[in-house]
Amino acid sequence: MDRLLTLRAVGFSRQLDLAALLRLGLALAITLLLMLASLSLGKVNLSPLAVLRILFAGGDASLVFIVEQLRMPRIALATLVGAALAVSGLILQSIVRNPLASPDLLGITSGASAAAVLYLSFCAAALGPQFLPLAAMLGAALAALAIYLLAWKQGASPLRLVLIGVGVSAMLAAATTFVLVFSPLTTTLSAYVWLTGSVYGASWPEPRALAGWLLAILPLLLLLARHVRVQQLDDGLAQGIGVRVQWLRAGLLLVSVALAGAAIAWGGAMAFVGLIAPHIAKRLVAPGFAGQAAMAALAGANLVMLADLAGRTLFLPLDLPAGIFVAVLGTPFFLYLLIKQRH
């Protein structure tokens, strides 16, 4: 049986892996089931049928409010944050040719965190919390620019990007801690929740704003997507087939930073999502950026949704940040990757 489906039209030809499509379909089904479970479970438990009835036919006003105004925005934000971080991590791993690469390990998350904590400590009282996402995205962009410029020496090689990124990340983490020491207690508590990563208290403006940013980034991602696999080649070989390696690397790094910066801005500094989800995608989908990106996005969305569901339901009446449960999964996975790389 042929596992490839060929689509042809005028000026267009593409082969689709049927096994990959089946796995993507199953991942999407898991995503929808997780969404339904997240809408059903919480301090007020509802049956899945009751949730579906509320979504399609309405019902008791208090239950409609719980489902549509309290839980749905939170689920939407978790889905978008997880998907954006996962695709960002997949791009970074392709750029630096290192399975350990992710936004939180290469300094992007640290840049956003430092800027956000600085804003919370010294600007939020005067300007309000509405500019926190802008500060986080600006911090991520400045950190990425600093890493790229410091790594430049007749081009920015993947090895230098990794080494400089780790160094900048450590320096920014120290700066964040320094700012927290001199911050008011209330600011410190807010900052720690944000640094852990949480979608607590999300309302519809947050996922709508994040979706708008992601839609703005999407055209550039689609433009560069077909060239991602070229980054996995040696620079000399890529240049030999006519690829402008440094321009392509800079463009992909810009897309990765934009995705991670936007996700971190609204979901906090959620670690390990950009590390775990790409590895899940690579195990389930054959090489090819489009299929792996779709699988990574679904895996990242499911990971954050599952972590948020655990944070909401396992320790009632407490509502713990989703980043705690992502870290519980991510830390052993990271150690496993380190041991695997060692051998």
C-alpha atoms as a PDB file:
ATOM      1  CA  MET A   1       0.000   0.000   0.000  1.00  0.00           C
ATOM      2  CA  ASP A   2       1.325   3.415  -0.975  1.00  0.00           C
ATOM      3  CA  ARG A   3       1.803   5.563   2.134  1.00  0.00           C
ATOM      4  CA  LEU A   4       2.083   8.781   0.097  1.00  0.00           C
ATOM      5  CA  LEU A   5      -0.782  10.875  -1.218  1.00  0.00           C
ATOM      6  CA  THR A   6       0.163  13.083  -4.180  1.00  0.00           C
ATOM      7  CA  LEU A   7      -1.677  16.355  -4.810  1.00  0.00           C
ATOM      8  CA  ARG A   8      -1.190  18.110  -8.139  1.00  0.00           C
ATOM      9  CA  ALA A   9      -2.567  21.313  -9.602  1.00  0.00           C
ATOM     10  CA  VAL A  10      -1.344  23.972 -12.002  1.00  0.00           C
ATOM     11  CA  GLY A  11       2.079  25.053 -10.710  1.00  0.00           C
ATOM     12  CA  PHE A  12       1.649  22.979  -7.549  1.00  0.00           C
ATOM     13  CA  SER A  13       2.697  19.482  -6.546  1.00  0.00           C
ATOM     14  CA  ARG A  14       3.014  18.006  -3.072  1.00  0.00           C
ATOM     15  CA  GLN A  15       3.245  14.579  -1.495  1.00  0.00           C
ATOM     16  CA  LEU A  16       1.582  13.937   1.856  1.00  0.00           C
ATOM     17  CA  ASP A  17       2.537  11.090   4.194  1.00  0.00           C
ATOM     18  CA  LEU A  18      -0.678   9.252   5.092  1.00  0.00           C
ATOM     19  CA  ALA A  19       0.809   7.912   8.345  1.00  0.00           C
ATOM     20  CA  ALA A  20       1.770  11.437   9.401  1.00  0.00           C
ATOM     21  CA  LEU A  21      -1.723  12.705   8.523  1.00  0.00           C
ATOM     22  CA  LEU A  22      -3.259   9.934  10.639  1.00  0.00           C
ATOM     23  CA  ARG A  23      -1.034  10.834  13.612  1.00  0.00           C
ATOM     24  CA  LEU A  24      -1.861  14.523  13.201  1.00  0.00           C
ATOM     25  CA  GLY A  25      -5.552  13.618  13.179  1.00  0.00           C
ATOM     26  CA  LEU A  26      -5.141  11.623  16.390  1.00  0.00           C
ATOM     27  CA  ALA A  27      -3.202  14.480  18.012  1.00  0.00           C
ATOM     28  CA  LEU A  28      -5.969  16.906  17.035  1.00  0.00           C
ATOM     29  CA  ALA A  29      -8.574  14.547  18.513  1.00  0.00           C
ATOM     30  CA  ILE A  30      -6.576  14.422  21.777  1.00  0.00           C
ATOM     31  CA  THR A  31      -6.461  18.242  21.756  1.00  0.00           C
ATOM     32  CA  LEU A  32     -10.248  18.464  21.396  1.00  0.00           C
ATOM     33  CA  LEU A  33     -10.788  15.892  24.160  1.00  0.00           C
ATOM     34  CA  LEU A  34      -8.427  17.805  26.456  1.00  0.00           C
ATOM     35  CA  MET A  35     -10.345  20.999  25.734  1.00  0.00           C
ATOM     36  CA  LEU A  36     -13.610  19.272  26.617  1.00  0.00           C
ATOM     37  CA  ALA A  37     -12.101  17.864  29.826  1.00  0.00           C
ATOM     38  CA  SER A  38     -10.746  21.299  30.768  1.00  0.00           C
ATOM     39  CA  LEU A  39     -14.167  22.857  30.208  1.00  0.00           C
ATOM     40  CA  SER A  40     -15.778  20.151  32.342  1.00  0.00           C
ATOM     41  CA  LEU A  41     -13.453  19.961  35.352  1.00  0.00           C
ATOM     42  CA  GLY A  42     -12.738  22.532  38.054  1.00  0.00           C
ATOM     43  CA  LYS A  43     -14.221  23.792  41.307  1.00  0.00           C
ATOM     44  CA  VAL A  44     -17.611  23.241  39.640  1.00  0.00           C
ATOM     45  CA  ASN A  45     -17.580  19.916  37.800  1.00  0.00           C
ATOM     46  CA  LEU A  46     -19.802  19.492  34.761  1.00  0.00           C
ATOM     47  CA  SER A  47     -20.448  16.501  32.559  1.00  0.00           C
ATOM     48  CA  PRO A  48     -19.106  16.654  28.966  1.00  0.00           C
ATOM     49  CA  LEU A  49     -22.700  16.508  27.680  1.00  0.00           C
ATOM     50  CA  ALA A  50     -23.638  19.479  29.854  1.00  0.00           C
ATOM     51  CA  VAL A  51     -20.662  21.432  28.500  1.00  0.00           C
ATOM     52  CA  LEU A  52     -21.626  20.652  24.891  1.00  0.00           C
ATOM     53  CA  ARG A  53     -25.223  21.667  25.635  1.00  0.00           C
ATOM     54  CA  ILE A  54     -24.008  24.986  27.073  1.00  0.00           C
ATOM     55  CA  LEU A  55     -21.748  25.638  24.079  1.00  0.00           C
ATOM     56  CA  PHE A  56     -24.403  24.940  21.444  1.00  0.00           C
ATOM     57  CA  ALA A  57     -27.698  25.720  23.163  1.00  0.00           C
ATOM     58  CA  GLY A  58     -26.942  27.886  26.190  1.00  0.00           C
ATOM     59  CA  GLY A  59     -28.447  27.190  29.599  1.00  0.00           C
ATOM     60  CA  ASP A  60     -28.176  28.394  33.173  1.00  0.00           C
ATOM     61  CA  ALA A  61     -26.509  31.839  33.194  1.00  0.00           C
ATOM     62  CA  SER A  62     -24.052  30.986  35.967  1.00  0.00           C
ATOM     63  CA  LEU A  63     -22.892  27.806  34.191  1.00  0.00           C
ATOM     64  CA  VAL A  64     -22.613  29.633  30.867  1.00  0.00           C
ATOM     65  CA  PHE A  65     -20.436  32.227  32.599  1.00  0.00           C
ATOM     66  CA  ILE A  66     -18.173  29.525  34.087  1.00  0.00           C
ATOM     67  CA  VAL A  67     -17.713  27.743  30.759  1.00  0.00           C
ATOM     68  CA  GLU A  68     -17.577  30.646  28.304  1.00  0.00           C
ATOM     69  CA  GLN A  69     -16.006  33.434  30.360  1.00  0.00           C
ATOM     70  CA  LEU A  70     -13.803  31.664  32.929  1.00  0.00           C
ATOM     71  CA  ARG A  71     -12.626  28.413  31.341  1.00  0.00           C
ATOM     72  CA  MET A  72     -12.710  28.957  27.573  1.00  0.00           C
ATOM     73  CA  PRO A  73     -10.386  32.016  27.503  1.00  0.00           C
ATOM     74  CA  ARG A  74      -7.934  30.183  29.761  1.00  0.00           C
ATOM     75  CA  ILE A  75      -7.955  27.119  27.492  1.00  0.00           C
ATOM     76  CA  ALA A  76      -7.573  29.273  24.375  1.00  0.00           C
ATOM     77  CA  LEU A  77      -4.601  31.117  25.884  1.00  0.00           C
ATOM     78  CA  ALA A  78      -2.951  27.846  27.016  1.00  0.00           C
ATOM     79  CA  THR A  79      -3.387  26.398  23.515  1.00  0.00           C
ATOM     80  CA  LEU A  80      -1.856  29.405  21.763  1.00  0.00           C
ATOM     81  CA  VAL A  81       1.020  29.738  24.241  1.00  0.00           C
ATOM     82  CA  GLY A  82       1.920  26.052  23.982  1.00  0.00           C
ATOM     83  CA  ALA A  83       1.720  25.998  20.185  1.00  0.00           C
ATOM     84  CA  ALA A  84       3.840  29.146  19.751  1.00  0.00           C
ATOM     85  CA  LEU A  85       6.557  27.973  22.161  1.00  0.00           C
ATOM     86  CA  ALA A  86       6.671  24.542  20.496  1.00  0.00           C
ATOM     87  CA  VAL A  87       7.132  25.891  16.961  1.00  0.00           C
ATOM     88  CA  SER A  88       9.701  28.395  18.238  1.00  0.00           C
ATOM     89  CA  GLY A  89      11.667  25.546  19.830  1.00  0.00           C
ATOM     90  CA  LEU A  90      11.479  23.462  16.640  1.00  0.00           C
ATOM     91  CA  ILE A  91      12.925  26.340  14.604  1.00  0.00           C
ATOM     92  CA  LEU A  92      15.702  26.950  17.146  1.00  0.00           C
ATOM     93  CA  GLN A  93      16.695  23.284  17.166  1.00  0.00           C
ATOM     94  CA  SER A  94      16.980  23.415  13.373  1.00  0.00           C
ATOM     95  CA  ILE A  95      19.015  26.634  13.407  1.00  0.00           C
ATOM     96  CA  VAL A  96      21.594  25.534  15.983  1.00  0.00           C
ATOM     97  CA  ARG A  97      21.486  21.813  15.056  1.00  0.00           C
ATOM     98  CA  ASN A  98      21.207  20.881  18.709  1.00  0.00           C
ATOM     99  CA  PRO A  99      18.386  18.794  20.246  1.00  0.00           C
ATOM    100  CA  LEU A 100      18.821  20.647  23.560  1.00  0.00           C
ATOM    101  CA  ALA A 101      18.019  24.062  22.060  1.00  0.00           C
ATOM    102  CA  SER A 102      14.865  25.867  23.193  1.00  0.00           C
ATOM    103  CA  PRO A 103      13.792  29.469  23.903  1.00  0.00           C
ATOM    104  CA  ASP A 104      14.425  29.094  27.650  1.00  0.00           C
ATOM    105  CA  LEU A 105      17.913  27.627  27.211  1.00  0.00           C
ATOM    106  CA  LEU A 106      19.162  30.121  24.613  1.00  0.00           C
ATOM    107  CA  GLY A 107      18.373  33.354  26.456  1.00  0.00           C
ATOM    108  CA  ILE A 108      15.107  34.394  24.787  1.00  0.00           C
ATOM    109  CA  THR A 109      12.975  33.538  27.815  1.00  0.00           C
ATOM    110  CA  SER A 110      15.520  35.143  30.151  1.00  0.00           C
ATOM    111  CA  GLY A 111      15.400  38.381  28.158  1.00  0.00           C
ATOM    112  CA  ALA A 112      11.612  38.481  28.327  1.00  0.00           C
ATOM    113  CA  SER A 113      11.689  37.633  32.038  1.00  0.00           C
ATOM    114  CA  ALA A 114      14.219  40.328  32.915  1.00  0.00           C
ATOM    115  CA  ALA A 115      12.263  42.982  31.020  1.00  0.00           C
ATOM    116  CA  ALA A 116       8.950  41.868  32.545  1.00  0.00           C
ATOM    117  CA  VAL A 117      10.273  41.854  36.121  1.00  0.00           C
ATOM    118  CA  LEU A 118      11.859  45.272  35.557  1.00  0.00           C
ATOM    119  CA  TYR A 119       8.513  46.575  34.295  1.00  0.00           C
ATOM    120  CA  LEU A 120       6.553  45.027  37.184  1.00  0.00           C
ATOM    121  CA  SER A 121       8.978  46.460  39.729  1.00  0.00           C
ATOM    122  CA  PHE A 122       9.363  50.034  38.500  1.00  0.00           C
ATOM    123  CA  CYS A 123       6.755  50.843  35.835  1.00  0.00           C
ATOM    124  CA  ALA A 124       3.576  48.859  36.497  1.00  0.00           C
ATOM    125  CA  ALA A 125       2.381  51.167  39.286  1.00  0.00           C
ATOM    126  CA  ALA A 126       2.530  54.199  37.006  1.00  0.00           C
ATOM    127  CA  LEU A 127       1.650  52.715  33.608  1.00  0.00           C
ATOM    128  CA  GLY A 128      -0.550  49.785  34.604  1.00  0.00           C
ATOM    129  CA  PRO A 129      -0.216  46.065  33.724  1.00  0.00           C
ATOM    130  CA  GLN A 130      -1.436  46.454  30.118  1.00  0.00           C
ATOM    131  CA  PHE A 131       2.068  47.167  28.793  1.00  0.00           C
ATOM    132  CA  LEU A 132       3.639  44.062  30.401  1.00  0.00           C
ATOM    133  CA  PRO A 133       3.373  41.979  27.167  1.00  0.00           C
ATOM    134  CA  LEU A 134       5.094  44.743  25.210  1.00  0.00           C
ATOM    135  CA  ALA A 135       7.933  44.870  27.756  1.00  0.00           C
ATOM    136  CA  ALA A 136       8.360  41.075  27.625  1.00  0.00           C
ATOM    137  CA  MET A 137       8.480  41.000  23.817  1.00  0.00           C
ATOM    138  CA  LEU A 138      10.938  43.877  23.748  1.00  0.00           C
ATOM    139  CA  GLY A 139      13.163  42.085  26.267  1.00  0.00           C
ATOM    140  CA  ALA A 140      13.098  38.875  24.209  1.00  0.00           C
ATOM    141  CA  ALA A 141      13.983  40.803  21.041  1.00  0.00           C
ATOM    142  CA  LEU A 142      16.866  42.692  22.669  1.00  0.00           C
ATOM    143  CA  ALA A 143      18.275  39.483  24.186  1.00  0.00           C
ATOM    144  CA  ALA A 144      18.132  37.723  20.803  1.00  0.00           C
ATOM    145  CA  LEU A 145      19.778  40.700  19.079  1.00  0.00           C
ATOM    146  CA  ALA A 146      22.569  40.751  21.682  1.00  0.00           C
ATOM    147  CA  ILE A 147      23.141  37.010  21.272  1.00  0.00           C
ATOM    148  CA  TYR A 148      23.265  37.277  17.483  1.00  0.00           C
ATOM    149  CA  LEU A 149      25.662  40.237  17.488  1.00  0.00           C
ATOM    150  CA  LEU A 150      27.962  38.670  20.100  1.00  0.00           C
ATOM    151  CA  ALA A 151      27.986  35.395  18.138  1.00  0.00           C
ATOM    152  CA  TRP A 152      28.863  37.146  14.874  1.00  0.00           C
ATOM    153  CA  LYS A 153      32.309  36.450  13.482  1.00  0.00           C
ATOM    154  CA  GLN A 154      32.164  36.286   9.702  1.00  0.00           C
ATOM    155  CA  GLY A 155      28.720  34.854  10.273  1.00  0.00           C
ATOM    156  CA  ALA A 156      26.830  33.492  13.274  1.00  0.00           C
ATOM    157  CA  SER A 157      27.640  29.799  13.594  1.00  0.00           C
ATOM    158  CA  PRO A 158      25.255  27.443  15.452  1.00  0.00           C
ATOM    159  CA  LEU A 159      27.905  26.585  18.071  1.00  0.00           C
ATOM    160  CA  ARG A 160      28.571  30.249  18.914  1.00  0.00           C
ATOM    161  CA  LEU A 161      24.828  30.946  19.104  1.00  0.00           C
ATOM    162  CA  VAL A 162      24.453  28.182  21.696  1.00  0.00           C
ATOM    163  CA  LEU A 163      27.444  29.210  23.811  1.00  0.00           C
ATOM    164  CA  ILE A 164      26.639  32.931  23.745  1.00  0.00           C
ATOM    165  CA  GLY A 165      22.947  32.175  24.374  1.00  0.00           C
ATOM    166  CA  VAL A 166      23.701  30.141  27.491  1.00  0.00           C
ATOM    167  CA  GLY A 167      25.996  32.884  28.802  1.00  0.00           C
ATOM    168  CA  VAL A 168      23.506  35.690  28.137  1.00  0.00           C
ATOM    169  CA  SER A 169      20.728  33.591  29.699  1.00  0.00           C
ATOM    170  CA  ALA A 170      22.742  33.147  32.909  1.00  0.00           C
ATOM    171  CA  MET A 171      23.568  36.858  33.067  1.00  0.00           C
ATOM    172  CA  LEU A 172      19.924  37.894  32.556  1.00  0.00           C
ATOM    173  CA  ALA A 173      18.731  35.366  35.167  1.00  0.00           C
ATOM    174  CA  ALA A 174      21.135  36.950  37.661  1.00  0.00           C
ATOM    175  CA  ALA A 175      19.854  40.416  36.718  1.00  0.00           C
ATOM    176  CA  THR A 176      16.258  39.250  37.243  1.00  0.00           C
ATOM    177  CA  THR A 177      17.085  37.929  40.710  1.00  0.00           C
ATOM    178  CA  PHE A 178      18.885  41.185  41.557  1.00  0.00           C
ATOM    179  CA  VAL A 179      15.817  43.242  40.588  1.00  0.00           C
ATOM    180  CA  LEU A 180      13.505  40.978  42.613  1.00  0.00           C
ATOM    181  CA  VAL A 181      15.625  41.451  45.752  1.00  0.00           C
ATOM    182  CA  PHE A 182      14.957  45.206  45.675  1.00  0.00           C
ATOM    183  CA  SER A 183      11.299  44.956  44.618  1.00  0.00           C
ATOM    184  CA  PRO A 184       8.278  45.417  46.912  1.00  0.00           C
ATOM    185  CA  LEU A 185       6.839  42.167  48.288  1.00  0.00           C
ATOM    186  CA  THR A 186       3.607  42.417  46.295  1.00  0.00           C
ATOM    187  CA  THR A 187       5.559  42.925  43.071  1.00  0.00           C
ATOM    188  CA  THR A 188       7.845  40.003  43.907  1.00  0.00           C
ATOM    189  CA  LEU A 189       4.893  37.642  44.375  1.00  0.00           C
ATOM    190  CA  SER A 190       3.365  38.704  41.041  1.00  0.00           C
ATOM    191  CA  ALA A 191       6.714  38.365  39.333  1.00  0.00           C
ATOM    192  CA  TYR A 192       7.282  34.851  40.668  1.00  0.00           C
ATOM    193  CA  VAL A 193       3.908  33.691  39.346  1.00  0.00           C
ATOM    194  CA  TRP A 194       4.755  35.215  35.954  1.00  0.00           C
ATOM    195  CA  LEU A 195       8.261  33.684  35.971  1.00  0.00           C
ATOM    196  CA  THR A 196       6.787  30.240  36.665  1.00  0.00           C
ATOM    197  CA  GLY A 197       4.345  30.544  33.782  1.00  0.00           C
ATOM    198  CA  SER A 198       0.589  30.716  34.242  1.00  0.00           C
ATOM    199  CA  VAL A 199      -2.633  31.360  32.330  1.00  0.00           C
ATOM    200  CA  TYR A 200      -4.553  32.041  35.555  1.00  0.00           C
ATOM    201  CA  GLY A 201      -7.268  34.676  35.295  1.00  0.00           C
ATOM    202  CA  ALA A 202      -7.191  34.846  31.498  1.00  0.00           C
ATOM    203  CA  SER A 203     -10.058  36.709  29.846  1.00  0.00           C
ATOM    204  CA  TRP A 204     -10.914  36.945  26.143  1.00  0.00           C
ATOM    205  CA  PRO A 205      -8.731  40.009  25.369  1.00  0.00           C
ATOM    206  CA  GLU A 206      -5.542  38.046  26.145  1.00  0.00           C
ATOM    207  CA  PRO A 207      -5.991  35.116  23.697  1.00  0.00           C
ATOM    208  CA  ARG A 208      -7.355  37.513  21.074  1.00  0.00           C
ATOM    209  CA  ALA A 209      -4.312  39.753  21.372  1.00  0.00           C
ATOM    210  CA  LEU A 210      -1.923  36.776  21.242  1.00  0.00           C
ATOM    211  CA  ALA A 211      -3.776  35.314  18.254  1.00  0.00           C
ATOM    212  CA  GLY A 212      -3.416  38.666  16.476  1.00  0.00           C
ATOM    213  CA  TRP A 213       0.361  38.662  17.033  1.00  0.00           C
ATOM    214  CA  LEU A 214       0.671  35.051  15.858  1.00  0.00           C
ATOM    215  CA  LEU A 215      -1.357  35.788  12.713  1.00  0.00           C
ATOM    216  CA  ALA A 216       0.968  38.721  11.980  1.00  0.00           C
ATOM    217  CA  ILE A 217       4.004  36.410  12.312  1.00  0.00           C
ATOM    218  CA  LEU A 218       2.448  33.612  10.213  1.00  0.00           C
ATOM    219  CA  PRO A 219       3.204  35.029   6.702  1.00  0.00           C
ATOM    220  CA  LEU A 220       6.949  35.272   7.456  1.00  0.00           C
ATOM    221  CA  LEU A 221       6.896  31.751   8.936  1.00  0.00           C
ATOM    222  CA  LEU A 222       5.206  30.386   5.795  1.00  0.00           C
ATOM    223  CA  LEU A 223       7.708  32.231   3.599  1.00  0.00           C
ATOM    224  CA  LEU A 224      10.715  30.698   5.368  1.00  0.00           C
ATOM    225  CA  ALA A 225       9.247  27.300   6.290  1.00  0.00           C
ATOM    226  CA  ARG A 226      10.449  25.474   3.169  1.00  0.00           C
ATOM    227  CA  HIS A 227      14.047  26.529   3.921  1.00  0.00           C
ATOM    228  CA  VAL A 228      14.189  25.335   7.545  1.00  0.00           C
ATOM    229  CA  ARG A 229      15.690  21.934   6.704  1.00  0.00           C
ATOM    230  CA  VAL A 230      18.539  23.641   4.821  1.00  0.00           C
ATOM    231  CA  GLN A 231      19.719  24.985   8.200  1.00  0.00           C
ATOM    232  CA  GLN A 232      20.445  21.425   9.263  1.00  0.00           C
ATOM    233  CA  LEU A 233      23.132  21.154   6.567  1.00  0.00           C
ATOM    234  CA  ASP A 234      26.712  22.245   7.004  1.00  0.00           C
ATOM    235  CA  ASP A 235      27.100  25.974   6.204  1.00  0.00           C
ATOM    236  CA  GLY A 236      29.562  25.295   3.388  1.00  0.00           C
ATOM    237  CA  LEU A 237      27.261  22.743   1.761  1.00  0.00           C
ATOM    238  CA  ALA A 238      24.236  25.043   2.072  1.00  0.00           C
ATOM    239  CA  GLN A 239      26.159  27.920   0.482  1.00  0.00           C
ATOM    240  CA  GLY A 240      27.303  25.561  -2.265  1.00  0.00           C
ATOM    241  CA  ILE A 241      23.701  24.951  -3.358  1.00  0.00           C
ATOM    242  CA  GLY A 242      23.020  28.690  -3.484  1.00  0.00           C
ATOM    243  CA  VAL A 243      21.477  29.376  -0.056  1.00  0.00           C
ATOM    244  CA  ARG A 244      22.194  32.698   1.676  1.00  0.00           C
ATOM    245  CA  VAL A 245      22.787  30.999   4.988  1.00  0.00           C
ATOM    246  CA  GLN A 246      23.237  34.011   7.267  1.00  0.00           C
ATOM    247  CA  TRP A 247      20.191  35.875   5.957  1.00  0.00           C
ATOM    248  CA  LEU A 248      18.078  32.736   6.259  1.00  0.00           C
ATOM    249  CA  ARG A 249      19.372  32.062   9.787  1.00  0.00           C
ATOM    250  CA  ALA A 250      18.634  35.651  10.834  1.00  0.00           C
ATOM    251  CA  GLY A 251      15.106  35.464   9.398  1.00  0.00           C
ATOM    252  CA  LEU A 252      14.341  32.163  11.119  1.00  0.00           C
ATOM    253  CA  LEU A 253      15.783  33.456  14.396  1.00  0.00           C
ATOM    254  CA  LEU A 254      13.516  36.509  14.073  1.00  0.00           C
ATOM    255  CA  VAL A 255      10.460  34.265  13.602  1.00  0.00           C
ATOM    256  CA  SER A 256      11.463  32.057  16.542  1.00  0.00           C
ATOM    257  CA  VAL A 257      11.999  35.061  18.821  1.00  0.00           C
ATOM    258  CA  ALA A 258       8.701  36.626  17.739  1.00  0.00           C
ATOM    259  CA  LEU A 259       6.776  33.401  18.471  1.00  0.00           C
ATOM    260  CA  ALA A 260       8.465  32.808  21.830  1.00  0.00           C
ATOM    261  CA  GLY A 261       8.306  36.474  22.850  1.00  0.00           C
ATOM    262  CA  ALA A 262       4.583  36.702  22.121  1.00  0.00           C
ATOM    263  CA  ALA A 263       3.827  33.445  23.966  1.00  0.00           C
ATOM    264  CA  ILE A 264       5.927  34.418  26.987  1.00  0.00           C
ATOM    265  CA  ALA A 265       4.388  37.884  27.045  1.00  0.00           C
ATOM    266  CA  TRP A 266       0.900  36.492  27.730  1.00  0.00           C
ATOM    267  CA  GLY A 267       1.671  33.120  29.313  1.00  0.00           C
ATOM    268  CA  GLY A 268       4.733  33.879  31.400  1.00  0.00           C
ATOM    269  CA  ALA A 269       8.170  32.273  31.279  1.00  0.00           C
ATOM    270  CA  MET A 270       6.939  28.707  30.852  1.00  0.00           C
ATOM    271  CA  ALA A 271      10.029  26.508  30.624  1.00  0.00           C
ATOM    272  CA  PHE A 272      10.577  23.271  28.678  1.00  0.00           C
ATOM    273  CA  VAL A 273       7.561  23.481  26.326  1.00  0.00           C
ATOM    274  CA  GLY A 274       9.860  24.527  23.471  1.00  0.00           C
ATOM    275  CA  LEU A 275      12.159  21.617  24.330  1.00  0.00           C
ATOM    276  CA  ILE A 276       9.703  18.735  24.818  1.00  0.00           C
ATOM    277  CA  ALA A 277       7.139  19.358  22.053  1.00  0.00           C
ATOM    278  CA  PRO A 278       9.634  19.403  19.119  1.00  0.00           C
ATOM    279  CA  HIS A 279      11.066  16.057  20.240  1.00  0.00           C
ATOM    280  CA  ILE A 280       7.571  14.545  20.375  1.00  0.00           C
ATOM    281  CA  ALA A 281       6.931  15.873  16.857  1.00  0.00           C
ATOM    282  CA  LYS A 282      10.198  14.464  15.499  1.00  0.00           C
ATOM    283  CA  ARG A 283       9.370  11.019  16.883  1.00  0.00           C
ATOM    284  CA  LEU A 284       5.879  10.977  15.380  1.00  0.00           C
ATOM    285  CA  VAL A 285       6.376  12.713  12.014  1.00  0.00           C
ATOM    286  CA  ALA A 286       9.005  12.068   9.339  1.00  0.00           C
ATOM    287  CA  PRO A 287      11.501  14.875   8.531  1.00  0.00           C
ATOM    288  CA  GLY A 288       9.767  17.820   6.927  1.00  0.00           C
ATOM    289  CA  PHE A 289       9.119  21.137   8.651  1.00  0.00           C
ATOM    290  CA  ALA A 290       5.418  21.577   7.868  1.00  0.00           C
ATOM    291  CA  GLY A 291       4.320  18.245   9.356  1.00  0.00           C
ATOM    292  CA  GLN A 292       6.656  18.481  12.333  1.00  0.00           C
ATOM    293  CA  ALA A 293       5.581  22.073  13.038  1.00  0.00           C
ATOM    294  CA  ALA A 294       1.895  21.093  13.034  1.00  0.00           C
ATOM    295  CA  MET A 295       2.589  18.142  15.350  1.00  0.00           C
ATOM    296  CA  ALA A 296       4.805  20.262  17.615  1.00  0.00           C
ATOM    297  CA  ALA A 297       2.087  22.925  17.861  1.00  0.00           C
ATOM    298  CA  LEU A 298      -0.509  20.323  18.882  1.00  0.00           C
ATOM    299  CA  ALA A 299       1.914  18.675  21.340  1.00  0.00           C
ATOM    300  CA  GLY A 300       2.803  22.030  22.899  1.00  0.00           C
ATOM    301  CA  ALA A 301      -0.855  23.034  23.173  1.00  0.00           C
ATOM    302  CA  ASN A 302      -1.734  19.705  24.797  1.00  0.00           C
ATOM    303  CA  LEU A 303       1.183  19.946  27.212  1.00  0.00           C
ATOM    304  CA  VAL A 304       0.219  23.409  28.496  1.00  0.00           C
ATOM    305  CA  MET A 305      -3.486  22.564  28.621  1.00  0.00           C
ATOM    306  CA  LEU A 306      -2.782  19.377  30.583  1.00  0.00           C
ATOM    307  CA  ALA A 307      -0.471  21.256  32.966  1.00  0.00           C
ATOM    308  CA  ASP A 308      -3.093  23.964  33.513  1.00  0.00           C
ATOM    309  CA  LEU A 309      -5.803  21.350  34.081  1.00  0.00           C
ATOM    310  CA  ALA A 310      -3.594  19.658  36.692  1.00  0.00           C
ATOM    311  CA  GLY A 311      -2.907  23.012  38.357  1.00  0.00           C
ATOM    312  CA  ARG A 312      -6.620  23.797  38.549  1.00  0.00           C
ATOM    313  CA  THR A 313      -7.906  20.441  39.770  1.00  0.00           C
ATOM    314  CA  LEU A 314      -5.283  18.416  41.677  1.00  0.00           C
ATOM    315  CA  PHE A 315      -4.896  20.725  44.684  1.00  0.00           C
ATOM    316  CA  LEU A 316      -8.326  22.335  45.083  1.00  0.00           C
ATOM    317  CA  PRO A 317      -9.098  24.939  46.322  1.00  0.00           C
ATOM    318  CA  LEU A 318      -5.592  26.063  45.301  1.00  0.00           C
ATOM    319  CA  ASP A 319      -4.968  27.053  41.687  1.00  0.00           C
ATOM    320  CA  LEU A 320      -1.292  26.422  40.906  1.00  0.00           C
ATOM    321  CA  PRO A 321       0.613  27.863  37.913  1.00  0.00           C
ATOM    322  CA  ALA A 322       0.770  25.562  34.898  1.00  0.00           C
ATOM    323  CA  GLY A 323       4.521  26.150  34.631  1.00  0.00           C
ATOM    324  CA  ILE A 324       5.096  24.061  37.775  1.00  0.00           C
ATOM    325  CA  PHE A 325       3.662  20.943  36.135  1.00  0.00           C
ATOM    326  CA  VAL A 326       5.430  21.592  32.829  1.00  0.00           C
ATOM    327  CA  ALA A 327       8.703  21.775  34.776  1.00  0.00           C
ATOM    328  CA  VAL A 328       7.873  18.509  36.584  1.00  0.00           C
ATOM    329  CA  LEU A 329       7.652  16.830  33.166  1.00  0.00           C
ATOM    330  CA  GLY A 330      10.437  18.823  31.530  1.00  0.00           C
ATOM    331  CA  THR A 331      13.245  18.396  34.047  1.00  0.00           C
ATOM    332  CA  PRO A 332      13.526  14.581  33.793  1.00  0.00           C
ATOM    333  CA  PHE A 333      13.100  14.813  30.018  1.00  0.00           C
ATOM    334  CA  PHE A 334      15.975  17.313  29.825  1.00  0.00           C
ATOM    335  CA  LEU A 335      18.166  15.030  31.959  1.00  0.00           C
ATOM    336  CA  TYR A 336      17.278  12.129  29.663  1.00  0.00           C
ATOM    337  CA  LEU A 337      18.386  14.155  26.627  1.00  0.00           C
ATOM    338  CA  LEU A 338      21.651  15.089  28.339  1.00  0.00           C
ATOM    339  CA  ILE A 339      22.390  11.444  29.138  1.00  0.00           C
ATOM    340  CA  LYS A 340      21.452  10.410  25.601  1.00  0.00           C
ATOM    341  CA  GLN A 341      23.769  13.070  24.126  1.00  0.00           C
ATOM    342  CA  ARG A 342      26.560  11.929  26.446  1.00  0.00           C
ATOM    343  CA  HIS A 343      26.358   8.351  25.130  1.00  0.00           C
END
